[in-house]
C-alpha atoms as a PDB file:
ATOM      1  CA  LYS A   1       3.862 -30.545   4.148  1.00  0.00           C
ATOM      2  CA  PRO A   2       3.599 -27.055   5.492  1.00  0.00           C
ATOM      3  CA  HIS A   3       0.455 -24.762   4.311  1.00  0.00           C
ATOM      4  CA  ARG A   4       2.024 -21.871   2.524  1.00  0.00           C
ATOM      5  CA  ARG A   5       0.727 -18.788   1.374  1.00  0.00           C
ATOM      6  CA  ILE A   6       1.876 -15.843  -0.497  1.00  0.00           C
ATOM      7  CA  THR A   7       1.094 -12.610   1.290  1.00  0.00           C
ATOM      8  CA  TRP A   8      -0.181  -9.989  -1.180  1.00  0.00           C
ATOM      9  CA  GLU A   9      -0.069  -6.225  -0.714  1.00  0.00           C
ATOM     10  CA  TYR A  10      -2.568  -4.305  -2.376  1.00  0.00           C
ATOM     11  CA  VAL A  11      -3.009  -0.546  -1.827  1.00  0.00           C
ATOM     12  CA  LEU A  12      -7.099   0.556  -1.872  1.00  0.00           C
ATOM     13  CA  LEU A  13      -7.834   4.100  -3.593  1.00  0.00           C
ATOM     14  CA  ASP A  14     -10.919   5.195  -3.648  1.00  0.00           C
ATOM     15  CA  GLY A  15     -12.593   5.036  -7.335  1.00  0.00           C
ATOM     16  CA  VAL A  16      -9.770   3.514  -8.663  1.00  0.00           C
ATOM     17  CA  ASN A  17      -9.101  -0.156  -7.794  1.00  0.00           C
ATOM     18  CA  ASP A  18     -11.434  -0.602  -4.497  1.00  0.00           C
ATOM     19  CA  SER A  19     -15.171  -1.753  -6.388  1.00  0.00           C
ATOM     20  CA  GLU A  20     -16.521  -5.110  -5.820  1.00  0.00           C
ATOM     21  CA  GLN A  21     -16.076  -5.949  -9.787  1.00  0.00           C
ATOM     22  CA  HIS A  22     -12.056  -5.443  -8.365  1.00  0.00           C
ATOM     23  CA  ALA A  23     -11.995  -7.825  -5.686  1.00  0.00           C
ATOM     24  CA  HIS A  24     -14.213 -10.480  -7.900  1.00  0.00           C
ATOM     25  CA  ALA A  25     -11.317  -9.487 -10.779  1.00  0.00           C
ATOM     26  CA  LEU A  26      -8.572  -9.666  -8.183  1.00  0.00           C
ATOM     27  CA  ALA A  27      -9.727 -13.345  -6.668  1.00  0.00           C
ATOM     28  CA  ALA A  28      -9.859 -14.123 -10.376  1.00  0.00           C
ATOM     29  CA  LEU A  29      -6.587 -13.668 -11.043  1.00  0.00           C
ATOM     30  CA  LEU A  30      -4.962 -15.119  -7.791  1.00  0.00           C
ATOM     31  CA  GLY A  31      -7.167 -18.134  -8.695  1.00  0.00           C
ATOM     32  CA  ASP A  32      -6.064 -21.260  -6.675  1.00  0.00           C
ATOM     33  CA  ILE A  33      -2.797 -19.960  -5.054  1.00  0.00           C
ATOM     34  CA  PRO A  34      -2.978 -20.280  -1.574  1.00  0.00           C
ATOM     35  CA  SER A  35      -3.076 -16.727  -0.522  1.00  0.00           C
ATOM     36  CA  LYS A  36      -3.677 -13.783   2.164  1.00  0.00           C
ATOM     37  CA  ILE A  37      -4.195 -10.279   0.779  1.00  0.00           C
ATOM     38  CA  ASN A  38      -3.139  -7.330   3.302  1.00  0.00           C
ATOM     39  CA  LEU A  39      -5.563  -4.671   2.261  1.00  0.00           C
ATOM     40  CA  ILE A  40      -3.780  -1.262   2.723  1.00  0.00           C
ATOM     41  CA  PRO A  41      -5.525   2.035   2.586  1.00  0.00           C
ATOM     42  CA  PHE A  42      -3.977   4.732   0.690  1.00  0.00           C
ATOM     43  CA  ASN A  43      -2.351   6.863   2.795  1.00  0.00           C
ATOM     44  CA  PRO A  44      -2.956  10.611   0.918  1.00  0.00           C
ATOM     45  CA  PHE A  45      -0.413  13.400   0.696  1.00  0.00           C
ATOM     46  CA  PRO A  46       0.314  16.294  -0.942  1.00  0.00           C
ATOM     47  CA  GLY A  47      -0.148  16.762  -4.550  1.00  0.00           C
ATOM     48  CA  THR A  48      -1.438  13.105  -5.080  1.00  0.00           C
ATOM     49  CA  ALA A  49      -4.730  12.961  -7.010  1.00  0.00           C
ATOM     50  CA  TYR A  50      -5.697   9.849  -5.274  1.00  0.00           C
ATOM     51  CA  ARG A  51      -7.643   9.507  -2.393  1.00  0.00           C
ATOM     52  CA  ARG A  52      -8.214   6.409   0.469  1.00  0.00           C
ATOM     53  CA  SER A  53     -10.965   4.478   0.200  1.00  0.00           C
ATOM     54  CA  GLY A  54     -14.277   4.951   2.307  1.00  0.00           C
ATOM     55  CA  PRO A  55     -14.444   2.128   5.426  1.00  0.00           C
ATOM     56  CA  THR A  56     -17.765   0.876   3.727  1.00  0.00           C
ATOM     57  CA  ALA A  57     -15.877  -0.005   0.066  1.00  0.00           C
ATOM     58  CA  ILE A  58     -13.315  -1.608   1.984  1.00  0.00           C
ATOM     59  CA  ALA A  59     -15.140  -3.877   4.405  1.00  0.00           C
ATOM     60  CA  ARG A  60     -17.424  -4.817   0.775  1.00  0.00           C
ATOM     61  CA  PHE A  61     -13.866  -5.476  -0.738  1.00  0.00           C
ATOM     62  CA  GLN A  62     -12.483  -7.293   2.096  1.00  0.00           C
ATOM     63  CA  ALA A  63     -16.201  -9.503   1.934  1.00  0.00           C
ATOM     64  CA  VAL A  64     -16.216 -10.575  -1.699  1.00  0.00           C
ATOM     65  CA  LEU A  65     -12.685 -11.812  -0.923  1.00  0.00           C
ATOM     66  CA  GLY A  66     -13.944 -13.847   1.777  1.00  0.00           C
ATOM     67  CA  GLN A  67     -16.607 -15.092  -0.337  1.00  0.00           C
ATOM     68  CA  HIS A  68     -13.935 -16.340  -2.864  1.00  0.00           C
ATOM     69  CA  GLY A  69     -12.183 -18.485   0.139  1.00  0.00           C
ATOM     70  CA  LEU A  70      -9.397 -15.820   0.112  1.00  0.00           C
ATOM     71  CA  THR A  71      -8.203 -14.250   3.743  1.00  0.00           C
ATOM     72  CA  ALA A  72      -7.667 -10.589   3.563  1.00  0.00           C
ATOM     73  CA  ILE A  73      -7.064  -8.622   6.579  1.00  0.00           C
ATOM     74  CA  THR A  74      -7.410  -4.430   6.592  1.00  0.00           C
ATOM     75  CA  ARG A  75      -4.346  -2.577   7.795  1.00  0.00           C
ATOM     76  CA  LYS A  76      -4.308  -0.359  10.430  1.00  0.00           C
ATOM     77  CA  THR A  77      -3.778   3.143   9.058  1.00  0.00           C
ATOM     78  CA  ARG A  78      -0.735   4.807  10.959  1.00  0.00           C
ATOM     79  CA  GLY A  79       1.506   7.562   9.691  1.00  0.00           C
ATOM     80  CA  ASP A  80      -0.774  10.004   8.225  1.00  0.00           C
ATOM     81  CA  ASP A  81       0.959  12.892   9.998  1.00  0.00           C
ATOM     82  CA  ILE A  82       4.273  12.638   8.087  1.00  0.00           C
ATOM     83  CA  ALA A  83       2.926  11.270   4.754  1.00  0.00           C
ATOM     84  CA  ALA A  84       4.020   7.304   5.599  1.00  0.00           C
ATOM     85  CA  ALA A  85       2.378   3.761   5.927  1.00  0.00           C
ATOM     86  CA  CYS A  86       3.808   0.514   4.626  1.00  0.00           C
ATOM     87  CA  GLY A  87       5.574   0.680   1.299  1.00  0.00           C
ATOM     88  CA  GLN A  88       4.083   4.485   1.464  1.00  0.00           C
ATOM     89  CA  LEU A  89       6.517   7.184   1.907  1.00  0.00           C
ATOM     90  CA  ALA A  90       6.559  10.863   0.736  1.00  0.00           C
ATOM     91  CA  GLY A  91       8.895  13.622   1.595  1.00  0.00           C
ATOM     92  CA  GLN A  92      10.274  16.609   1.048  1.00  0.00           C
ATOM     93  CA  VAL A  93      12.119  16.695  -2.210  1.00  0.00           C
ATOM     94  CA  GLN A  94      15.207  18.694  -2.482  1.00  0.00           C
ATOM     95  CA  PRO A  95      15.078  20.270  -6.265  1.00  0.00           C
ATOM     96  CA  ARG A  96      18.319  19.051  -8.401  1.00  0.00           C
ATOM     97  CA  GLY A  97      21.040  21.363  -8.661  1.00  0.00           C
ATOM     98  CA  ARG A  98      24.962  20.932  -7.642  1.00  0.00           C
ATOM     99  CA  ARG A  99      25.787  19.409  -4.418  1.00  0.00           C
ATOM    100  CA  PRO A 100      28.499  21.153  -2.881  1.00  0.00           C
ATOM    101  CA  GLN A 101      31.525  19.696  -2.561  1.00  0.00           C
ATOM    102  CA  ARG A 102      32.688  17.620   0.775  1.00  0.00           C
ATOM    103  CA  ARG A 103      36.505  18.533   1.258  1.00  0.00           C
ATOM    104  CA  PRO A 104      38.057  15.981   3.724  1.00  0.00           C
ATOM    105  CA  ALA A 105      39.120  17.378   7.246  1.00  0.00           C
ATOM    106  CA  ARG A 106      42.628  17.565   7.184  1.00  0.00           C
ATOM    107  CA  LEU A 107      44.143  15.506  10.294  1.00  0.00           C
ATOM    108  CA  ALA A 108      46.501  17.417  12.485  1.00  0.00           C
ATOM    109  CA  SER A 109      50.264  16.366  12.517  1.00  0.00           C
END
């Protein structure tokens, strides 16, 4: 019988969900479910109120999960320059309005 685990993605937000108490609560929520947790530091982008957790908070969070027997991996941050990361993507949004109509090209006869 293969050893199967569910992989969870957990985005860490500074002061929102990155405390040791949050890590204990996450471990309690997962209970005995065979799990692997990917800890993803948040990539801030213009206009957001959220910030990335610091390295110390991330290390403590990961250590608490380990104390509960859970495997937790911290993802490397990439894509800061384009406001992108695993599941996190921010882009320039055009204001809503009327779209110019496309007309089909005429074929030469």
